[in-house]
Amino acid sequence: KYISWGATHAVICLSEDQRVRGYKAIRYMDKHYQALGSDA
């Protein structure tokens, strides 16, 4: 939906406790989209 609105890039910045709530989104994006860069 956001892509259809015009989103070009997704940014994820999660602590370990937040990754529990965001793991579905991370798994979906890892499967369908290219990760350009990462950091910790």
All heavy atoms as atom14 arrays in JSON, in Angstrom:
{
  "sequence": "KYISWGATHAVICLSEDQRVRGYKAIRYMDKHYQALGSDA",
  "atom14_mask": [
    [1, 1, 1, 1, 1, 1, 1, 1, 1, 0, 0, 0, 0, 0],
    [1, 1, 1, 1, 1, 1, 1, 1, 1, 1, 1, 1, 0, 0],
    [1, 1, 1, 1, 1, 1, 1, 1, 0, 0, 0, 0, 0, 0],
    [1, 1, 1, 1, 1, 1, 0, 0, 0, 0, 0, 0, 0, 0],
    [1, 1, 1, 1, 1, 1, 1, 1, 1, 1, 1, 1, 1, 1],
    [1, 1, 1, 1, 0, 0, 0, 0, 0, 0, 0, 0, 0, 0],
    [1, 1, 1, 1, 1, 0, 0, 0, 0, 0, 0, 0, 0, 0],
    [1, 1, 1, 1, 1, 1, 1, 0, 0, 0, 0, 0, 0, 0],
    [1, 1, 1, 1, 1, 1, 1, 1, 1, 1, 0, 0, 0, 0],
    [1, 1, 1, 1, 1, 0, 0, 0, 0, 0, 0, 0, 0, 0],
    [1, 1, 1, 1, 1, 1, 1, 0, 0, 0, 0, 0, 0, 0],
    [1, 1, 1, 1, 1, 1, 1, 1, 0, 0, 0, 0, 0, 0],
    [1, 1, 1, 1, 1, 1, 0, 0, 0, 0, 0, 0, 0, 0],
    [1, 1, 1, 1, 1, 1, 1, 1, 0, 0, 0, 0, 0, 0],
    [1, 1, 1, 1, 1, 1, 0, 0, 0, 0, 0, 0, 0, 0],
    [1, 1, 1, 1, 1, 1, 1, 1, 1, 0, 0, 0, 0, 0],
    [1, 1, 1, 1, 1, 1, 1, 1, 0, 0, 0, 0, 0, 0],
    [1, 1, 1, 1, 1, 1, 1, 1, 1, 0, 0, 0, 0, 0],
    [1, 1, 1, 1, 1, 1, 1, 1, 1, 1, 1, 0, 0, 0],
    [1, 1, 1, 1, 1, 1, 1, 0, 0, 0, 0, 0, 0, 0],
    [1, 1, 1, 1, 1, 1, 1, 1, 1, 1, 1, 0, 0, 0],
    [1, 1, 1, 1, 0, 0, 0, 0, 0, 0, 0, 0, 0, 0],
    [1, 1, 1, 1, 1, 1, 1, 1, 1, 1, 1, 1, 0, 0],
    [1, 1, 1, 1, 1, 1, 1, 1, 1, 0, 0, 0, 0, 0],
    [1, 1, 1, 1, 1, 0, 0, 0, 0, 0, 0, 0, 0, 0],
    [1, 1, 1, 1, 1, 1, 1, 1, 0, 0, 0, 0, 0, 0],
    [1, 1, 1, 1, 1, 1, 1, 1, 1, 1, 1, 0, 0, 0],
    [1, 1, 1, 1, 1, 1, 1, 1, 1, 1, 1, 1, 0, 0],
    [1, 1, 1, 1, 1, 1, 1, 1, 0, 0, 0, 0, 0, 0],
    [1, 1, 1, 1, 1, 1, 1, 1, 0, 0, 0, 0, 0, 0],
    [1, 1, 1, 1, 1, 1, 1, 1, 1, 0, 0, 0, 0, 0],
    [1, 1, 1, 1, 1, 1, 1, 1, 1, 1, 0, 0, 0, 0],
    [1, 1, 1, 1, 1, 1, 1, 1, 1, 1, 1, 1, 0, 0],
    [1, 1, 1, 1, 1, 1, 1, 1, 1, 0, 0, 0, 0, 0],
    [1, 1, 1, 1, 1, 0, 0, 0, 0, 0, 0, 0, 0, 0],
    [1, 1, 1, 1, 1, 1, 1, 1, 0, 0, 0, 0, 0, 0],
    [1, 1, 1, 1, 0, 0, 0, 0, 0, 0, 0, 0, 0, 0],
    [1, 1, 1, 1, 1, 1, 0, 0, 0, 0, 0, 0, 0, 0],
    [1, 1, 1, 1, 1, 1, 1, 1, 0, 0, 0, 0, 0, 0],
    [1, 1, 1, 1, 1, 0, 0, 0, 0, 0, 0, 0, 0, 0]
  ],
  "atom14_positions": [
    [[0.84, -1.2, 0.0], [0.0, 0.0, 0.0], [0.87, 1.25, 0.0], [0.63, 2.18, -0.77], [-0.91, -0.02, 1.22], [-1.78, 1.22, 1.37], [-2.67, 1.12, 2.61], [-1.85, 1.1, 3.89], [-2.71, 1.09, 5.1], [0.0, 0.0, 0.0], [0.0, 0.0, 0.0], [0.0, 0.0, 0.0], [0.0, 0.0, 0.0], [0.0, 0.0, 0.0]],
    [[1.89, 1.27, 0.83], [2.77, 2.43, 0.88], [3.57, 2.58, -0.4], [3.85, 3.71, -0.84], [3.69, 2.36, 2.1], [3.01, 2.75, 3.38], [2.52, 1.78, 4.26], [2.85, 4.09, 3.71], [1.88, 2.14, 5.43], [2.21, 4.45, 4.89], [1.73, 3.48, 5.74], [1.09, 3.84, 6.9], [0.0, 0.0, 0.0], [0.0, 0.0, 0.0]],
    [[3.94, 1.47, -1.0], [4.64, 1.53, -2.28], [3.74, 2.16, -3.34], [4.17, 2.99, -4.14], [5.11, 0.13, -2.71], [6.2, -0.38, -1.76], [5.63, 0.16, -4.15], [6.61, -1.81, -2.02], [0.0, 0.0, 0.0], [0.0, 0.0, 0.0], [0.0, 0.0, 0.0], [0.0, 0.0, 0.0], [0.0, 0.0, 0.0], [0.0, 0.0, 0.0]],
    [[2.46, 1.79, -3.31], [1.52, 2.36, -4.29], [1.33, 3.86, -4.06], [1.02, 4.61, -4.98], [0.17, 1.65, -4.2], [-0.51, 1.97, -2.98], [0.0, 0.0, 0.0], [0.0, 0.0, 0.0], [0.0, 0.0, 0.0], [0.0, 0.0, 0.0], [0.0, 0.0, 0.0], [0.0, 0.0, 0.0], [0.0, 0.0, 0.0], [0.0, 0.0, 0.0]],
    [[1.55, 4.31, -2.83], [1.44, 5.74, -2.53], [2.69, 6.51, -2.93], [2.65, 7.74, -3.03], [1.19, 5.95, -1.04], [-0.16, 5.5, -0.57], [-1.24, 5.18, -1.34], [-0.56, 5.31, 0.79], [-2.3, 4.79, -0.56], [-1.91, 4.87, 0.77], [0.07, 5.46, 2.02], [-2.63, 4.59, 1.91], [-0.64, 5.19, 3.17], [-1.98, 4.76, 3.12]],
    [[3.81, 5.8, -3.1], [5.02, 6.47, -3.54], [6.25, 6.19, -2.72], [7.31, 6.77, -2.99], [0.0, 0.0, 0.0], [0.0, 0.0, 0.0], [0.0, 0.0, 0.0], [0.0, 0.0, 0.0], [0.0, 0.0, 0.0], [0.0, 0.0, 0.0], [0.0, 0.0, 0.0], [0.0, 0.0, 0.0], [0.0, 0.0, 0.0], [0.0, 0.0, 0.0]],
    [[6.18, 5.29, -1.73], [7.36, 4.97, -0.93], [8.41, 4.3, -1.8], [8.11, 3.37, -2.56], [6.99, 4.07, 0.24], [0.0, 0.0, 0.0], [0.0, 0.0, 0.0], [0.0, 0.0, 0.0], [0.0, 0.0, 0.0], [0.0, 0.0, 0.0], [0.0, 0.0, 0.0], [0.0, 0.0, 0.0], [0.0, 0.0, 0.0], [0.0, 0.0, 0.0]],
    [[9.66, 4.77, -1.7], [10.74, 4.2, -2.5], [11.72, 3.38, -1.68], [12.41, 2.51, -2.22], [11.53, 5.32, -3.2], [12.09, 6.2, -2.22], [10.61, 6.13, -4.13], [0.0, 0.0, 0.0], [0.0, 0.0, 0.0], [0.0, 0.0, 0.0], [0.0, 0.0, 0.0], [0.0, 0.0, 0.0], [0.0, 0.0, 0.0], [0.0, 0.0, 0.0]],
    [[11.81, 3.66, -0.36], [12.75, 2.95, 0.49], [12.12, 2.73, 1.86], [11.32, 3.55, 2.33], [14.06, 3.73, 0.67], [14.83, 3.9, -0.6], [14.5, 4.85, -1.55], [15.94, 3.25, -1.07], [15.35, 4.77, -2.56], [16.24, 3.81, -2.29], [0.0, 0.0, 0.0], [0.0, 0.0, 0.0], [0.0, 0.0, 0.0], [0.0, 0.0, 0.0]],
    [[12.49, 1.62, 2.48], [12.04, 1.32, 3.84], [13.24, 1.32, 4.77], [14.31, 0.8, 4.42], [11.34, -0.03, 3.9], [0.0, 0.0, 0.0], [0.0, 0.0, 0.0], [0.0, 0.0, 0.0], [0.0, 0.0, 0.0], [0.0, 0.0, 0.0], [0.0, 0.0, 0.0], [0.0, 0.0, 0.0], [0.0, 0.0, 0.0], [0.0, 0.0, 0.0]],
    [[13.08, 1.91, 5.95], [14.15, 1.98, 6.94], [13.67, 1.28, 8.2], [12.57, 1.56, 8.69], [14.53, 3.43, 7.26], [15.67, 3.46, 8.28], [14.93, 4.17, 6.0], [0.0, 0.0, 0.0], [0.0, 0.0, 0.0], [0.0, 0.0, 0.0], [0.0, 0.0, 0.0], [0.0, 0.0, 0.0], [0.0, 0.0, 0.0], [0.0, 0.0, 0.0]],
    [[14.5, 0.39, 8.71], [14.19, -0.31, 9.96], [15.3, 0.01, 10.96], [16.48, -0.1, 10.64], [14.1, -1.82, 9.75], [12.9, -2.16, 8.85], [13.95, -2.54, 11.07], [12.77, -3.63, 8.56], [0.0, 0.0, 0.0], [0.0, 0.0, 0.0], [0.0, 0.0, 0.0], [0.0, 0.0, 0.0], [0.0, 0.0, 0.0], [0.0, 0.0, 0.0]],
    [[14.91, 0.43, 12.14], [15.87, 0.72, 13.21], [15.28, 0.19, 14.51], [14.49, 0.87, 15.17], [16.13, 2.23, 13.29], [17.28, 2.7, 14.6], [0.0, 0.0, 0.0], [0.0, 0.0, 0.0], [0.0, 0.0, 0.0], [0.0, 0.0, 0.0], [0.0, 0.0, 0.0], [0.0, 0.0, 0.0], [0.0, 0.0, 0.0], [0.0, 0.0, 0.0]],
    [[15.65, -1.03, 14.86], [14.98, -1.72, 15.97], [15.97, -2.22, 17.0], [17.04, -2.75, 16.66], [14.18, -2.91, 15.44], [13.16, -2.65, 14.32], [12.53, -3.96, 13.89], [12.1, -1.68, 14.8], [0.0, 0.0, 0.0], [0.0, 0.0, 0.0], [0.0, 0.0, 0.0], [0.0, 0.0, 0.0], [0.0, 0.0, 0.0], [0.0, 0.0, 0.0]],
    [[15.61, -2.07, 18.26], [16.35, -2.73, 19.32], [15.92, -4.19, 19.36], [14.94, -4.58, 18.7], [16.06, -2.05, 20.67], [14.68, -2.11, 20.96], [0.0, 0.0, 0.0], [0.0, 0.0, 0.0], [0.0, 0.0, 0.0], [0.0, 0.0, 0.0], [0.0, 0.0, 0.0], [0.0, 0.0, 0.0], [0.0, 0.0, 0.0], [0.0, 0.0, 0.0]],
    [[16.63, -4.99, 20.14], [16.33, -6.42, 20.16], [14.91, -6.69, 20.64], [14.22, -7.57, 20.11], [17.34, -7.14, 21.05], [18.75, -7.18, 20.49], [18.82, -7.87, 19.13], [18.06, -8.82, 18.9], [19.63, -7.43, 18.3], [0.0, 0.0, 0.0], [0.0, 0.0, 0.0], [0.0, 0.0, 0.0], [0.0, 0.0, 0.0], [0.0, 0.0, 0.0]],
    [[14.42, -5.94, 21.64], [13.07, -6.16, 22.12], [12.03, -5.73, 21.09], [10.94, -6.3, 21.03], [12.84, -5.43, 23.44], [13.07, -3.93, 23.31], [14.13, -3.55, 22.78], [12.2, -3.15, 23.73], [0.0, 0.0, 0.0], [0.0, 0.0, 0.0], [0.0, 0.0, 0.0], [0.0, 0.0, 0.0], [0.0, 0.0, 0.0], [0.0, 0.0, 0.0]],
    [[12.36, -4.75, 20.27], [11.42, -4.32, 19.24], [11.41, -5.27, 18.04], [10.41, -5.36, 17.33], [11.77, -2.91, 18.77], [11.52, -1.84, 19.82], [12.08, -0.48, 19.41], [12.98, -0.4, 18.58], [11.54, 0.57, 20.02], [0.0, 0.0, 0.0], [0.0, 0.0, 0.0], [0.0, 0.0, 0.0], [0.0, 0.0, 0.0], [0.0, 0.0, 0.0]],
    [[12.5, -5.98, 17.84], [12.57, -6.92, 16.7], [11.54, -8.03, 16.83], [11.09, -8.6, 15.84], [13.98, -7.51, 16.59], [15.0, -6.51, 16.05], [16.4, -7.09, 16.08], [16.53, -8.22, 15.16], [16.81, -8.1, 13.87], [17.0, -6.91, 13.35], [16.93, -9.17, 13.11], [0.0, 0.0, 0.0], [0.0, 0.0, 0.0], [0.0, 0.0, 0.0]],
    [[11.15, -8.33, 18.07], [10.11, -9.36, 18.26], [8.82, -8.92, 17.61], [8.11, -9.71, 16.98], [9.9, -9.61, 19.77], [8.74, -10.57, 20.0], [11.17, -10.16, 20.39], [0.0, 0.0, 0.0], [0.0, 0.0, 0.0], [0.0, 0.0, 0.0], [0.0, 0.0, 0.0], [0.0, 0.0, 0.0], [0.0, 0.0, 0.0], [0.0, 0.0, 0.0]],
    [[8.5, -7.62, 17.73], [7.27, -7.11, 17.13], [7.43, -6.8, 15.64], [6.44, -6.69, 14.93], [6.82, -5.85, 17.87], [6.26, -6.11, 19.25], [5.97, -4.82, 19.98], [7.21, -4.21, 20.49], [7.26, -3.02, 21.06], [6.15, -2.29, 21.17], [8.4, -2.54, 21.51], [0.0, 0.0, 0.0], [0.0, 0.0, 0.0], [0.0, 0.0, 0.0]],
    [[8.67, -6.67, 15.19], [8.87, -6.31, 13.8], [9.4, -7.42, 12.93], [9.72, -7.19, 11.76], [0.0, 0.0, 0.0], [0.0, 0.0, 0.0], [0.0, 0.0, 0.0], [0.0, 0.0, 0.0], [0.0, 0.0, 0.0], [0.0, 0.0, 0.0], [0.0, 0.0, 0.0], [0.0, 0.0, 0.0], [0.0, 0.0, 0.0], [0.0, 0.0, 0.0]],
    [[9.46, -8.66, 13.46], [10.13, -9.72, 12.71], [9.39, -10.09, 11.43], [9.99, -10.46, 10.42], [10.33, -10.95, 13.59], [9.11, -11.84, 13.71], [8.94, -12.96, 12.89], [8.12, -11.57, 14.65], [7.82, -13.78, 13.01], [7.01, -12.37, 14.78], [6.85, -13.48, 13.95], [5.74, -14.27, 14.07], [0.0, 0.0, 0.0], [0.0, 0.0, 0.0]],
    [[8.04, -10.0, 11.44], [7.29, -10.34, 10.22], [7.63, -9.39, 9.08], [7.81, -9.82, 7.93], [5.79, -10.31, 10.51], [5.3, -11.44, 11.4], [3.78, -11.38, 11.55], [3.28, -12.54, 12.42], [1.81, -12.49, 12.59], [0.0, 0.0, 0.0], [0.0, 0.0, 0.0], [0.0, 0.0, 0.0], [0.0, 0.0, 0.0], [0.0, 0.0, 0.0]],
    [[7.72, -8.1, 9.4], [8.06, -7.14, 8.37], [9.48, -7.37, 7.85], [9.73, -7.3, 6.64], [7.92, -5.72, 8.92], [0.0, 0.0, 0.0], [0.0, 0.0, 0.0], [0.0, 0.0, 0.0], [0.0, 0.0, 0.0], [0.0, 0.0, 0.0], [0.0, 0.0, 0.0], [0.0, 0.0, 0.0], [0.0, 0.0, 0.0], [0.0, 0.0, 0.0]],
    [[10.4, -7.67, 8.78], [11.79, -7.92, 8.37], [11.87, -9.14, 7.47], [12.54, -9.13, 6.43], [12.68, -8.1, 9.62], [12.69, -6.82, 10.45], [14.09, -8.49, 9.21], [13.39, -6.97, 11.79], [0.0, 0.0, 0.0], [0.0, 0.0, 0.0], [0.0, 0.0, 0.0], [0.0, 0.0, 0.0], [0.0, 0.0, 0.0], [0.0, 0.0, 0.0]],
    [[11.18, -10.22, 7.85], [11.2, -11.44, 7.06], [10.61, -11.22, 5.67], [11.15, -11.69, 4.67], [10.41, -12.53, 7.79], [10.51, -13.91, 7.13], [9.85, -14.96, 7.99], [8.42, -14.67, 8.19], [7.63, -15.41, 8.96], [8.13, -16.45, 9.62], [6.35, -15.11, 9.08], [0.0, 0.0, 0.0], [0.0, 0.0, 0.0], [0.0, 0.0, 0.0]],
    [[9.53, -10.45, 5.62], [8.89, -10.17, 4.33], [9.82, -9.34, 3.44], [9.99, -9.64, 2.25], [7.58, -9.42, 4.55], [6.81, -9.16, 3.27], [5.92, -10.1, 2.75], [6.98, -7.96, 2.58], [5.23, -9.86, 1.58], [6.29, -7.71, 1.41], [5.41, -8.66, 0.92], [4.71, -8.42, -0.26], [0.0, 0.0, 0.0], [0.0, 0.0, 0.0]],
    [[10.46, -8.34, 4.01], [11.32, -7.49, 3.19], [12.59, -8.21, 2.77], [13.08, -8.02, 1.66], [11.63, -6.19, 3.95], [10.49, -5.2, 3.87], [10.86, -3.56, 4.5], [10.58, -3.83, 6.23], [0.0, 0.0, 0.0], [0.0, 0.0, 0.0], [0.0, 0.0, 0.0], [0.0, 0.0, 0.0], [0.0, 0.0, 0.0], [0.0, 0.0, 0.0]],
    [[13.14, -9.04, 3.64], [14.31, -9.82, 3.25], [14.0, -10.75, 2.07], [14.88, -11.01, 1.24], [14.8, -10.66, 4.44], [15.6, -9.83, 5.45], [16.09, -8.75, 5.07], [15.71, -10.27, 6.61], [0.0, 0.0, 0.0], [0.0, 0.0, 0.0], [0.0, 0.0, 0.0], [0.0, 0.0, 0.0], [0.0, 0.0, 0.0], [0.0, 0.0, 0.0]],
    [[12.78, -11.21, 2.02], [12.39, -12.15, 0.96], [12.13, -11.45, -0.36], [12.47, -11.98, -1.43], [11.15, -12.92, 1.4], [10.66, -13.93, 0.37], [9.45, -14.7, 0.9], [8.96, -15.73, -0.13], [7.76, -16.45, 0.37], [0.0, 0.0, 0.0], [0.0, 0.0, 0.0], [0.0, 0.0, 0.0], [0.0, 0.0, 0.0], [0.0, 0.0, 0.0]],
    [[11.53, -10.26, -0.32], [11.06, -9.62, -1.54], [11.87, -8.41, -2.0], [11.77, -8.02, -3.17], [9.6, -9.19, -1.38], [8.64, -10.34, -1.23], [8.3, -10.85, 0.01], [7.97, -11.06, -2.14], [7.44, -11.85, -0.16], [7.21, -12.0, -1.45], [0.0, 0.0, 0.0], [0.0, 0.0, 0.0], [0.0, 0.0, 0.0], [0.0, 0.0, 0.0]],
    [[12.68, -7.81, -1.1], [13.33, -6.57, -1.47], [14.81, -6.6, -1.13], [15.26, -7.36, -0.27], [12.66, -5.38, -0.76], [11.21, -5.24, -1.15], [10.2, -5.72, -0.32], [10.85, -4.68, -2.37], [8.87, -5.63, -0.68], [9.51, -4.58, -2.75], [8.53, -5.06, -1.9], [7.22, -4.98, -2.27], [0.0, 0.0, 0.0], [0.0, 0.0, 0.0]],
    [[15.56, -5.74, -1.81], [17.0, -5.72, -1.69], [17.43, -4.82, -0.54], [17.05, -3.65, -0.46], [17.61, -5.19, -2.99], [19.12, -5.12, -2.98], [19.75, -6.51, -2.92], [19.32, -7.43, -3.6], [20.78, -6.66, -2.09], [0.0, 0.0, 0.0], [0.0, 0.0, 0.0], [0.0, 0.0, 0.0], [0.0, 0.0, 0.0], [0.0, 0.0, 0.0]],
    [[18.23, -5.37, 0.37], [18.81, -4.56, 1.44], [20.03, -3.83, 0.89], [20.97, -4.45, 0.38], [19.2, -5.44, 2.62], [0.0, 0.0, 0.0], [0.0, 0.0, 0.0], [0.0, 0.0, 0.0], [0.0, 0.0, 0.0], [0.0, 0.0, 0.0], [0.0, 0.0, 0.0], [0.0, 0.0, 0.0], [0.0, 0.0, 0.0], [0.0, 0.0, 0.0]],
    [[20.02, -2.5, 0.97], [21.1, -1.7, 0.41], [22.25, -1.51, 1.4], [23.4, -1.35, 1.01], [20.57, -0.32, -0.01], [19.46, -0.31, -1.05], [19.03, 1.12, -1.33], [19.92, -0.99, -2.34], [0.0, 0.0, 0.0], [0.0, 0.0, 0.0], [0.0, 0.0, 0.0], [0.0, 0.0, 0.0], [0.0, 0.0, 0.0], [0.0, 0.0, 0.0]],
    [[21.94, -1.48, 2.68], [22.96, -1.26, 3.68], [22.44, -1.56, 5.06], [21.23, -1.67, 5.27], [0.0, 0.0, 0.0], [0.0, 0.0, 0.0], [0.0, 0.0, 0.0], [0.0, 0.0, 0.0], [0.0, 0.0, 0.0], [0.0, 0.0, 0.0], [0.0, 0.0, 0.0], [0.0, 0.0, 0.0], [0.0, 0.0, 0.0], [0.0, 0.0, 0.0]],
    [[23.35, -1.71, 6.01], [22.95, -2.03, 7.37], [23.99, -1.47, 8.34], [25.1, -1.13, 7.96], [22.78, -3.54, 7.56], [24.02, -4.2, 7.33], [0.0, 0.0, 0.0], [0.0, 0.0, 0.0], [0.0, 0.0, 0.0], [0.0, 0.0, 0.0], [0.0, 0.0, 0.0], [0.0, 0.0, 0.0], [0.0, 0.0, 0.0], [0.0, 0.0, 0.0]],
    [[23.6, -1.4, 9.6], [24.49, -0.91, 10.64], [23.96, -1.4, 11.98], [22.82, -1.87, 12.09], [24.54, 0.63, 10.61], [25.77, 1.18, 11.33], [26.54, 0.37, 11.88], [25.94, 2.4, 11.32], [0.0, 0.0, 0.0], [0.0, 0.0, 0.0], [0.0, 0.0, 0.0], [0.0, 0.0, 0.0], [0.0, 0.0, 0.0], [0.0, 0.0, 0.0]],
    [[24.78, -1.31, 12.99], [24.36, -1.65, 14.35], [24.96, -0.61, 15.28], [26.17, -0.39, 15.28], [24.83, -3.05, 14.74], [0.0, 0.0, 0.0], [0.0, 0.0, 0.0], [0.0, 0.0, 0.0], [0.0, 0.0, 0.0], [0.0, 0.0, 0.0], [0.0, 0.0, 0.0], [0.0, 0.0, 0.0], [0.0, 0.0, 0.0], [0.0, 0.0, 0.0]]
  ]
}
